[in-house]
């Protein structure tokens, strides 16, 4: 008798876990889709503009680097 009750309890437990796992997965998918949609809407509303940086020649090697950053020749 114990084996039958144990088997029924295990089947119910597995069914219960899968039922709630599917609910959690579906809710997570809805939230992620909404976040993706919001990000796409935000990207469409405000297109990114590239940021320009002034380049200056390195006094030692002459290669152009961003103003205010060290040259790779100084690192060596």
PDB file of N, CA and C in Angstrom:
ATOM      1  N   UNK A   1       0.821  -1.194   0.000  1.00  0.00           N
ATOM      2  CA  UNK A   1       0.000   0.000   0.000  1.00  0.00           C
ATOM      3  C   UNK A   1       0.872   1.268   0.000  1.00  0.00           C
ATOM      4  N   UNK A   2       1.964   1.209   0.771  1.00  0.00           N
ATOM      5  CA  UNK A   2       2.859   2.357   0.846  1.00  0.00           C
ATOM      6  C   UNK A   2       3.475   2.669  -0.509  1.00  0.00           C
ATOM      7  N   UNK A   3       3.840   1.614  -1.270  1.00  0.00           N
ATOM      8  CA  UNK A   3       4.469   1.818  -2.565  1.00  0.00           C
ATOM      9  C   UNK A   3       3.521   2.524  -3.533  1.00  0.00           C
ATOM     10  N   UNK A   4       2.247   2.176  -3.477  1.00  0.00           N
ATOM     11  CA  UNK A   4       1.267   2.793  -4.371  1.00  0.00           C
ATOM     12  C   UNK A   4       1.098   4.268  -4.014  1.00  0.00           C
ATOM     13  N   UNK A   5       0.967   4.569  -2.734  1.00  0.00           N
ATOM     14  CA  UNK A   5       0.821   5.957  -2.303  1.00  0.00           C
ATOM     15  C   UNK A   5       2.068   6.771  -2.626  1.00  0.00           C
ATOM     16  N   UNK A   6       3.223   6.169  -2.434  1.00  0.00           N
ATOM     17  CA  UNK A   6       4.473   6.850  -2.744  1.00  0.00           C
ATOM     18  C   UNK A   6       4.566   7.148  -4.240  1.00  0.00           C
ATOM     19  N   UNK A   7       4.187   6.193  -5.071  1.00  0.00           N
ATOM     20  CA  UNK A   7       4.221   6.387  -6.524  1.00  0.00           C
ATOM     21  C   UNK A   7       3.250   7.481  -6.946  1.00  0.00           C
ATOM     22  N   UNK A   8       2.054   7.489  -6.395  1.00  0.00           N
ATOM     23  CA  UNK A   8       1.072   8.524  -6.711  1.00  0.00           C
ATOM     24  C   UNK A   8       1.589   9.884  -6.255  1.00  0.00           C
ATOM     25  N   UNK A   9       2.191   9.956  -5.092  1.00  0.00           N
ATOM     26  CA  UNK A   9       2.738  11.216  -4.589  1.00  0.00           C
ATOM     27  C   UNK A   9       3.878  11.711  -5.476  1.00  0.00           C
ATOM     28  N   UNK A  10       4.720  10.820  -5.945  1.00  0.00           N
ATOM     29  CA  UNK A  10       5.827  11.213  -6.817  1.00  0.00           C
ATOM     30  C   UNK A  10       5.309  11.714  -8.158  1.00  0.00           C
ATOM     31  N   UNK A  11       4.323  11.042  -8.730  1.00  0.00           N
ATOM     32  CA  UNK A  11       3.749  11.480  -9.999  1.00  0.00           C
ATOM     33  C   UNK A  11       3.127  12.856  -9.832  1.00  0.00           C
ATOM     34  N   UNK A  12       2.383  13.056  -8.748  1.00  0.00           N
ATOM     35  CA  UNK A  12       1.768  14.355  -8.490  1.00  0.00           C
ATOM     36  C   UNK A  12       2.847  15.422  -8.288  1.00  0.00           C
ATOM     37  N   UNK A  13       3.900  15.098  -7.564  1.00  0.00           N
ATOM     38  CA  UNK A  13       4.987  16.055  -7.332  1.00  0.00           C
ATOM     39  C   UNK A  13       5.666  16.472  -8.627  1.00  0.00           C
ATOM     40  N   UNK A  14       5.947  15.512  -9.501  1.00  0.00           N
ATOM     41  CA  UNK A  14       6.586  15.824 -10.788  1.00  0.00           C
ATOM     42  C   UNK A  14       5.644  16.671 -11.634  1.00  0.00           C
ATOM     43  N   UNK A  15       4.365  16.318 -11.677  1.00  0.00           N
ATOM     44  CA  UNK A  15       3.380  17.098 -12.439  1.00  0.00           C
ATOM     45  C   UNK A  15       3.289  18.528 -11.902  1.00  0.00           C
ATOM     46  N   UNK A  16       3.269  18.672 -10.583  1.00  0.00           N
ATOM     47  CA  UNK A  16       3.179  19.984  -9.940  1.00  0.00           C
ATOM     48  C   UNK A  16       4.383  20.841 -10.295  1.00  0.00           C
ATOM     49  N   UNK A  17       5.577  20.275 -10.256  1.00  0.00           N
ATOM     50  CA  UNK A  17       6.802  21.012 -10.577  1.00  0.00           C
ATOM     51  C   UNK A  17       6.790  21.456 -12.036  1.00  0.00           C
ATOM     52  N   UNK A  18       6.441  20.571 -12.947  1.00  0.00           N
ATOM     53  CA  UNK A  18       6.407  20.941 -14.362  1.00  0.00           C
ATOM     54  C   UNK A  18       5.347  21.996 -14.644  1.00  0.00           C
ATOM     55  N   UNK A  19       4.201  21.897 -13.984  1.00  0.00           N
ATOM     56  CA  UNK A  19       3.141  22.877 -14.193  1.00  0.00           C
ATOM     57  C   UNK A  19       3.619  24.265 -13.788  1.00  0.00           C
ATOM     58  N   UNK A  20       4.232  24.382 -12.638  1.00  0.00           N
ATOM     59  CA  UNK A  20       4.715  25.688 -12.179  1.00  0.00           C
ATOM     60  C   UNK A  20       5.946  26.139 -12.955  1.00  0.00           C
ATOM     61  N   UNK A  21       6.776  25.212 -13.373  1.00  0.00           N
ATOM     62  CA  UNK A  21       7.942  25.576 -14.184  1.00  0.00           C
ATOM     63  C   UNK A  21       7.487  26.198 -15.500  1.00  0.00           C
ATOM     64  N   UNK A  22       6.469  25.626 -16.119  1.00  0.00           N
ATOM     65  CA  UNK A  22       5.949  26.188 -17.370  1.00  0.00           C
ATOM     66  C   UNK A  22       5.345  27.569 -17.144  1.00  0.00           C
ATOM     67  N   UNK A  23       4.674  27.789 -16.043  1.00  0.00           N
ATOM     68  CA  UNK A  23       4.123  29.107 -15.735  1.00  0.00           C
ATOM     69  C   UNK A  23       5.240  30.131 -15.574  1.00  0.00           C
ATOM     70  N   UNK A  24       6.280  29.773 -14.856  1.00  0.00           N
ATOM     71  CA  UNK A  24       7.401  30.681 -14.628  1.00  0.00           C
ATOM     72  C   UNK A  24       8.101  30.990 -15.951  1.00  0.00           C
ATOM     73  N   UNK A  25       8.304  29.970 -16.780  1.00  0.00           N
ATOM     74  CA  UNK A  25       8.955  30.167 -18.065  1.00  0.00           C
ATOM     75  C   UNK A  25       8.134  31.079 -18.966  1.00  0.00           C
ATOM     76  N   UNK A  26       6.823  30.885 -18.992  1.00  0.00           N
ATOM     77  CA  UNK A  26       5.961  31.724 -19.823  1.00  0.00           C
ATOM     78  C   UNK A  26       5.979  33.172 -19.334  1.00  0.00           C
ATOM     79  N   UNK A  27       5.926  33.375 -18.025  1.00  0.00           N
ATOM     80  CA  UNK A  27       5.960  34.733 -17.476  1.00  0.00           C
ATOM     81  C   UNK A  27       7.298  35.400 -17.779  1.00  0.00           C
ATOM     82  N   UNK A  28       8.384  34.654 -17.675  1.00  0.00           N
ATOM     83  CA  UNK A  28       9.710  35.195 -17.976  1.00  0.00           C
ATOM     84  C   UNK A  28       9.803  35.594 -19.444  1.00  0.00           C
ATOM     85  N   UNK A  29       9.237  34.769 -20.330  1.00  0.00           N
ATOM     86  CA  UNK A  29       9.259  35.081 -21.758  1.00  0.00           C
ATOM     87  C   UNK A  29       8.479  36.355 -22.051  1.00  0.00           C
ATOM     88  N   UNK A  30       7.345  36.540 -21.397  1.00  0.00           N
ATOM     89  CA  UNK A  30       6.542  37.749 -21.601  1.00  0.00           C
ATOM     90  C   UNK A  30       7.333  38.985 -21.161  1.00  0.00           C
ATOM     91  N   UNK A  31       7.970  38.901 -20.012  1.00  0.00           N
ATOM     92  CA  UNK A  31       8.743  40.036 -19.502  1.00  0.00           C
ATOM     93  C   UNK A  31       9.917  40.347 -20.422  1.00  0.00           C
ATOM     94  N   UNK A  32      10.625  39.330 -20.876  1.00  0.00           N
ATOM     95  CA  UNK A  32      11.778  39.562 -21.748  1.00  0.00           C
ATOM     96  C   UNK A  32      11.341  40.124 -23.101  1.00  0.00           C
ATOM     97  N   UNK A  33      10.213  39.648 -23.636  1.00  0.00           N
ATOM     98  CA  UNK A  33       9.703  40.202 -24.893  1.00  0.00           C
ATOM     99  C   UNK A  33       9.337  41.669 -24.733  1.00  0.00           C
ATOM    100  N   UNK A  34       8.734  42.002 -23.605  1.00  0.00           N
ATOM    101  CA  UNK A  34       8.364  43.399 -23.356  1.00  0.00           C
ATOM    102  C   UNK A  34       9.605  44.279 -23.231  1.00  0.00           C
ATOM    103  N   UNK A  35      10.634  43.788 -22.554  1.00  0.00           N
ATOM    104  CA  UNK A  35      11.875  44.555 -22.432  1.00  0.00           C
ATOM    105  C   UNK A  35      12.528  44.750 -23.797  1.00  0.00           C
ATOM    106  N   UNK A  36      12.531  43.687 -24.627  1.00  0.00           N
ATOM    107  CA  UNK A  36      13.096  43.799 -25.964  1.00  0.00           C
ATOM    108  C   UNK A  36      12.329  44.810 -26.799  1.00  0.00           C
ATOM    109  N   UNK A  37      11.000  44.788 -26.690  1.00  0.00           N
ATOM    110  CA  UNK A  37      10.165  45.719 -27.439  1.00  0.00           C
ATOM    111  C   UNK A  37      10.423  47.154 -26.990  1.00  0.00           C
ATOM    112  N   UNK A  38      10.534  47.380 -25.670  1.00  0.00           N
ATOM    113  CA  UNK A  38      10.823  48.719 -25.155  1.00  0.00           C
ATOM    114  C   UNK A  38      12.187  49.202 -25.619  1.00  0.00           C
ATOM    115  N   UNK A  39      13.177  48.320 -25.613  1.00  0.00           N
ATOM    116  CA  UNK A  39      14.515  48.703 -26.053  1.00  0.00           C
ATOM    117  C   UNK A  39      14.510  49.057 -27.538  1.00  0.00           C
ATOM    118  N   UNK A  40      13.766  48.297 -28.323  1.00  0.00           N
ATOM    119  CA  UNK A  40      13.695  48.592 -29.753  1.00  0.00           C
ATOM    120  C   UNK A  40      12.984  49.919 -29.991  1.00  0.00           C
ATOM    121  N   UNK A  41      11.918  50.181 -29.246  1.00  0.00           N
ATOM    122  CA  UNK A  41      11.212  51.448 -29.380  1.00  0.00           C
ATOM    123  C   UNK A  41      12.103  52.614 -28.983  1.00  0.00           C
ATOM    124  N   UNK A  42      12.848  52.443 -27.911  1.00  0.00           N
ATOM    125  CA  UNK A  42      13.733  53.504 -27.448  1.00  0.00           C
ATOM    126  C   UNK A  42      14.856  53.748 -28.458  1.00  0.00           C
ATOM    127  N   UNK A  43      15.379  52.686 -29.046  1.00  0.00           N
ATOM    128  CA  UNK A  43      16.437  52.835 -30.041  1.00  0.00           C
ATOM    129  C   UNK A  43      15.907  53.509 -31.298  1.00  0.00           C
ATOM    130  N   UNK A  44      14.651  53.235 -31.632  1.00  0.00           N
ATOM    131  CA  UNK A  44      14.066  53.842 -32.830  1.00  0.00           C
ATOM    132  C   UNK A  44      13.778  55.329 -32.606  1.00  0.00           C
ATOM    133  N   UNK A  45      13.416  55.685 -31.375  1.00  0.00           N
ATOM    134  CA  UNK A  45      13.100  57.082 -31.078  1.00  0.00           C
ATOM    135  C   UNK A  45      14.343  57.947 -31.024  1.00  0.00           C
ATOM    136  N   UNK A  46      15.407  57.450 -30.450  1.00  0.00           N
ATOM    137  CA  UNK A  46      16.630  58.240 -30.273  1.00  0.00           C
ATOM    138  C   UNK A  46      17.792  57.538 -30.971  1.00  0.00           C
ATOM    139  N   UNK A  47      18.010  57.831 -32.242  1.00  0.00           N
ATOM    140  CA  UNK A  47      19.133  57.181 -32.920  1.00  0.00           C
ATOM    141  C   UNK A  47      20.454  57.658 -32.320  1.00  0.00           C
ATOM    142  N   UNK A  48      21.358  56.742 -32.211  1.00  0.00           N
ATOM    143  CA  UNK A  48      22.662  57.065 -31.630  1.00  0.00           C
ATOM    144  C   UNK A  48      23.496  57.847 -32.622  1.00  0.00           C
ATOM    145  N   UNK A  49      24.123  58.885 -32.123  1.00  0.00           N
ATOM    146  CA  UNK A  49      25.026  59.655 -32.958  1.00  0.00           C
ATOM    147  C   UNK A  49      26.445  59.350 -32.512  1.00  0.00           C
ATOM    148  N   UNK A  50      27.347  59.157 -33.458  1.00  0.00           N
ATOM    149  CA  UNK A  50      28.722  58.861 -33.076  1.00  0.00           C
ATOM    150  C   UNK A  50      29.371  60.067 -32.403  1.00  0.00           C
ATOM    151  N   UNK A  51      30.207  59.779 -31.441  1.00  0.00           N
ATOM    152  CA  UNK A  51      30.917  60.836 -30.718  1.00  0.00           C
ATOM    153  C   UNK A  51      32.279  61.017 -31.375  1.00  0.00           C
ATOM    154  N   UNK A  52      32.564  62.225 -31.782  1.00  0.00           N
ATOM    155  CA  UNK A  52      33.844  62.522 -32.429  1.00  0.00           C
ATOM    156  C   UNK A  52      34.886  62.868 -31.374  1.00  0.00           C
ATOM    157  N   UNK A  53      36.108  62.411 -31.598  1.00  0.00           N
ATOM    158  CA  UNK A  53      37.211  62.716 -30.699  1.00  0.00           C
ATOM    159  C   UNK A  53      38.307  63.411 -31.510  1.00  0.00           C
ATOM    160  N   UNK A  54      38.926  64.364 -30.871  1.00  0.00           N
ATOM    161  CA  UNK A  54      40.050  65.042 -31.514  1.00  0.00           C
ATOM    162  C   UNK A  54      41.284  64.155 -31.401  1.00  0.00           C
ATOM    163  N   UNK A  55      42.007  64.036 -32.492  1.00  0.00           N
ATOM    164  CA  UNK A  55      43.233  63.258 -32.509  1.00  0.00           C
ATOM    165  C   UNK A  55      44.420  64.206 -32.583  1.00  0.00           C
ATOM    166  N   UNK A  56      45.447  63.854 -31.825  1.00  0.00           N
ATOM    167  CA  UNK A  56      46.677  64.653 -31.820  1.00  0.00           C
ATOM    168  C   UNK A  56      47.848  63.711 -32.095  1.00  0.00           C
ATOM    169  N   UNK A  57      48.882  64.198 -32.751  1.00  0.00           N
ATOM    170  CA  UNK A  57      50.038  63.319 -33.005  1.00  0.00           C
ATOM    171  C   UNK A  57      50.858  63.142 -31.727  1.00  0.00           C
ATOM    172  N   UNK A  58      51.380  61.958 -31.564  1.00  0.00           N
ATOM    173  CA  UNK A  58      52.264  61.661 -30.427  1.00  0.00           C
ATOM    174  C   UNK A  58      53.596  62.369 -30.667  1.00  0.00           C
ATOM    175  N   UNK A  59      54.129  63.059 -29.666  1.00  0.00           N
ATOM    176  CA  UNK A  59      55.393  63.764 -29.880  1.00  0.00           C
ATOM    177  C   UNK A  59      56.584  62.827 -30.085  1.00  0.00           C
ATOM    178  N   UNK A  60      56.514  61.596 -29.599  1.00  0.00           N
ATOM    179  CA  UNK A  60      57.654  60.683 -29.729  1.00  0.00           C
ATOM    180  C   UNK A  60      57.633  59.899 -31.038  1.00  0.00           C
ATOM    181  N   UNK A  61      56.468  59.275 -31.347  1.00  0.00           N
ATOM    182  CA  UNK A  61      56.443  58.388 -32.513  1.00  0.00           C
ATOM    183  C   UNK A  61      55.639  58.957 -33.678  1.00  0.00           C
ATOM    184  N   UNK A  62      54.823  59.984 -33.453  1.00  0.00           N
ATOM    185  CA  UNK A  62      54.087  60.615 -34.534  1.00  0.00           C
ATOM    186  C   UNK A  62      52.745  59.980 -34.872  1.00  0.00           C
ATOM    187  N   UNK A  63      52.381  58.868 -34.232  1.00  0.00           N
ATOM    188  CA  UNK A  63      51.088  58.256 -34.526  1.00  0.00           C
ATOM    189  C   UNK A  63      49.979  59.068 -33.868  1.00  0.00           C
ATOM    190  N   UNK A  64      48.805  59.068 -34.469  1.00  0.00           N
ATOM    191  CA  UNK A  64      47.697  59.864 -33.956  1.00  0.00           C
ATOM    192  C   UNK A  64      46.946  59.097 -32.875  1.00  0.00           C
ATOM    193  N   UNK A  65      46.713  59.788 -31.757  1.00  0.00           N
ATOM    194  CA  UNK A  65      46.002  59.205 -30.616  1.00  0.00           C
ATOM    195  C   UNK A  65      44.947  60.190 -30.157  1.00  0.00           C
ATOM    196  N   UNK A  66      43.990  59.695 -29.354  1.00  0.00           N
ATOM    197  CA  UNK A  66      42.952  60.586 -28.817  1.00  0.00           C
ATOM    198  C   UNK A  66      43.594  61.564 -27.848  1.00  0.00           C
ATOM    199  N   UNK A  67      43.105  62.789 -27.875  1.00  0.00           N
ATOM    200  CA  UNK A  67      43.677  63.822 -27.009  1.00  0.00           C
ATOM    201  C   UNK A  67      43.490  63.434 -25.549  1.00  0.00           C
ATOM    202  N   UNK A  68      44.563  63.508 -24.775  1.00  0.00           N
ATOM    203  CA  UNK A  68      44.509  63.202 -23.354  1.00  0.00           C
ATOM    204  C   UNK A  68      44.778  61.760 -23.002  1.00  0.00           C
ATOM    205  N   UNK A  69      44.987  60.881 -23.985  1.00  0.00           N
ATOM    206  CA  UNK A  69      45.270  59.488 -23.667  1.00  0.00           C
ATOM    207  C   UNK A  69      46.742  59.186 -23.960  1.00  0.00           C
ATOM    208  N   UNK A  70      47.324  58.257 -23.209  1.00  0.00           N
ATOM    209  CA  UNK A  70      48.752  57.951 -23.441  1.00  0.00           C
ATOM    210  C   UNK A  70      48.931  57.136 -24.710  1.00  0.00           C
ATOM    211  N   UNK A  71      50.057  57.304 -25.339  1.00  0.00           N
ATOM    212  CA  UNK A  71      50.386  56.560 -26.561  1.00  0.00           C
ATOM    213  C   UNK A  71      50.950  55.187 -26.175  1.00  0.00           C
ATOM    214  N   UNK A  72      50.857  54.260 -27.088  1.00  0.00           N
ATOM    215  CA  UNK A  72      51.371  52.919 -26.807  1.00  0.00           C
ATOM    216  C   UNK A  72      52.896  52.898 -26.752  1.00  0.00           C
ATOM    217  N   UNK A  73      53.548  53.893 -27.345  1.00  0.00           N
ATOM    218  CA  UNK A  73      55.017  53.925 -27.303  1.00  0.00           C
ATOM    219  C   UNK A  73      55.500  54.264 -25.891  1.00  0.00           C
ATOM    220  N   UNK A  74      54.681  54.941 -25.084  1.00  0.00           N
ATOM    221  CA  UNK A  74      55.068  55.263 -23.711  1.00  0.00           C
ATOM    222  C   UNK A  74      54.898  54.075 -22.777  1.00  0.00           C
ATOM    223  N   UNK A  75      54.052  53.125 -23.164  1.00  0.00           N
ATOM    224  CA  UNK A  75      53.814  51.950 -22.342  1.00  0.00           C
ATOM    225  C   UNK A  75      54.966  50.958 -22.442  1.00  0.00           C
ATOM    226  N   UNK A  76      55.669  50.948 -23.541  1.00  0.00           N
ATOM    227  CA  UNK A  76      56.731  49.969 -23.762  1.00  0.00           C
ATOM    228  C   UNK A  76      57.984  50.299 -23.010  1.00  0.00           C
TER     229      UNK A  76
END
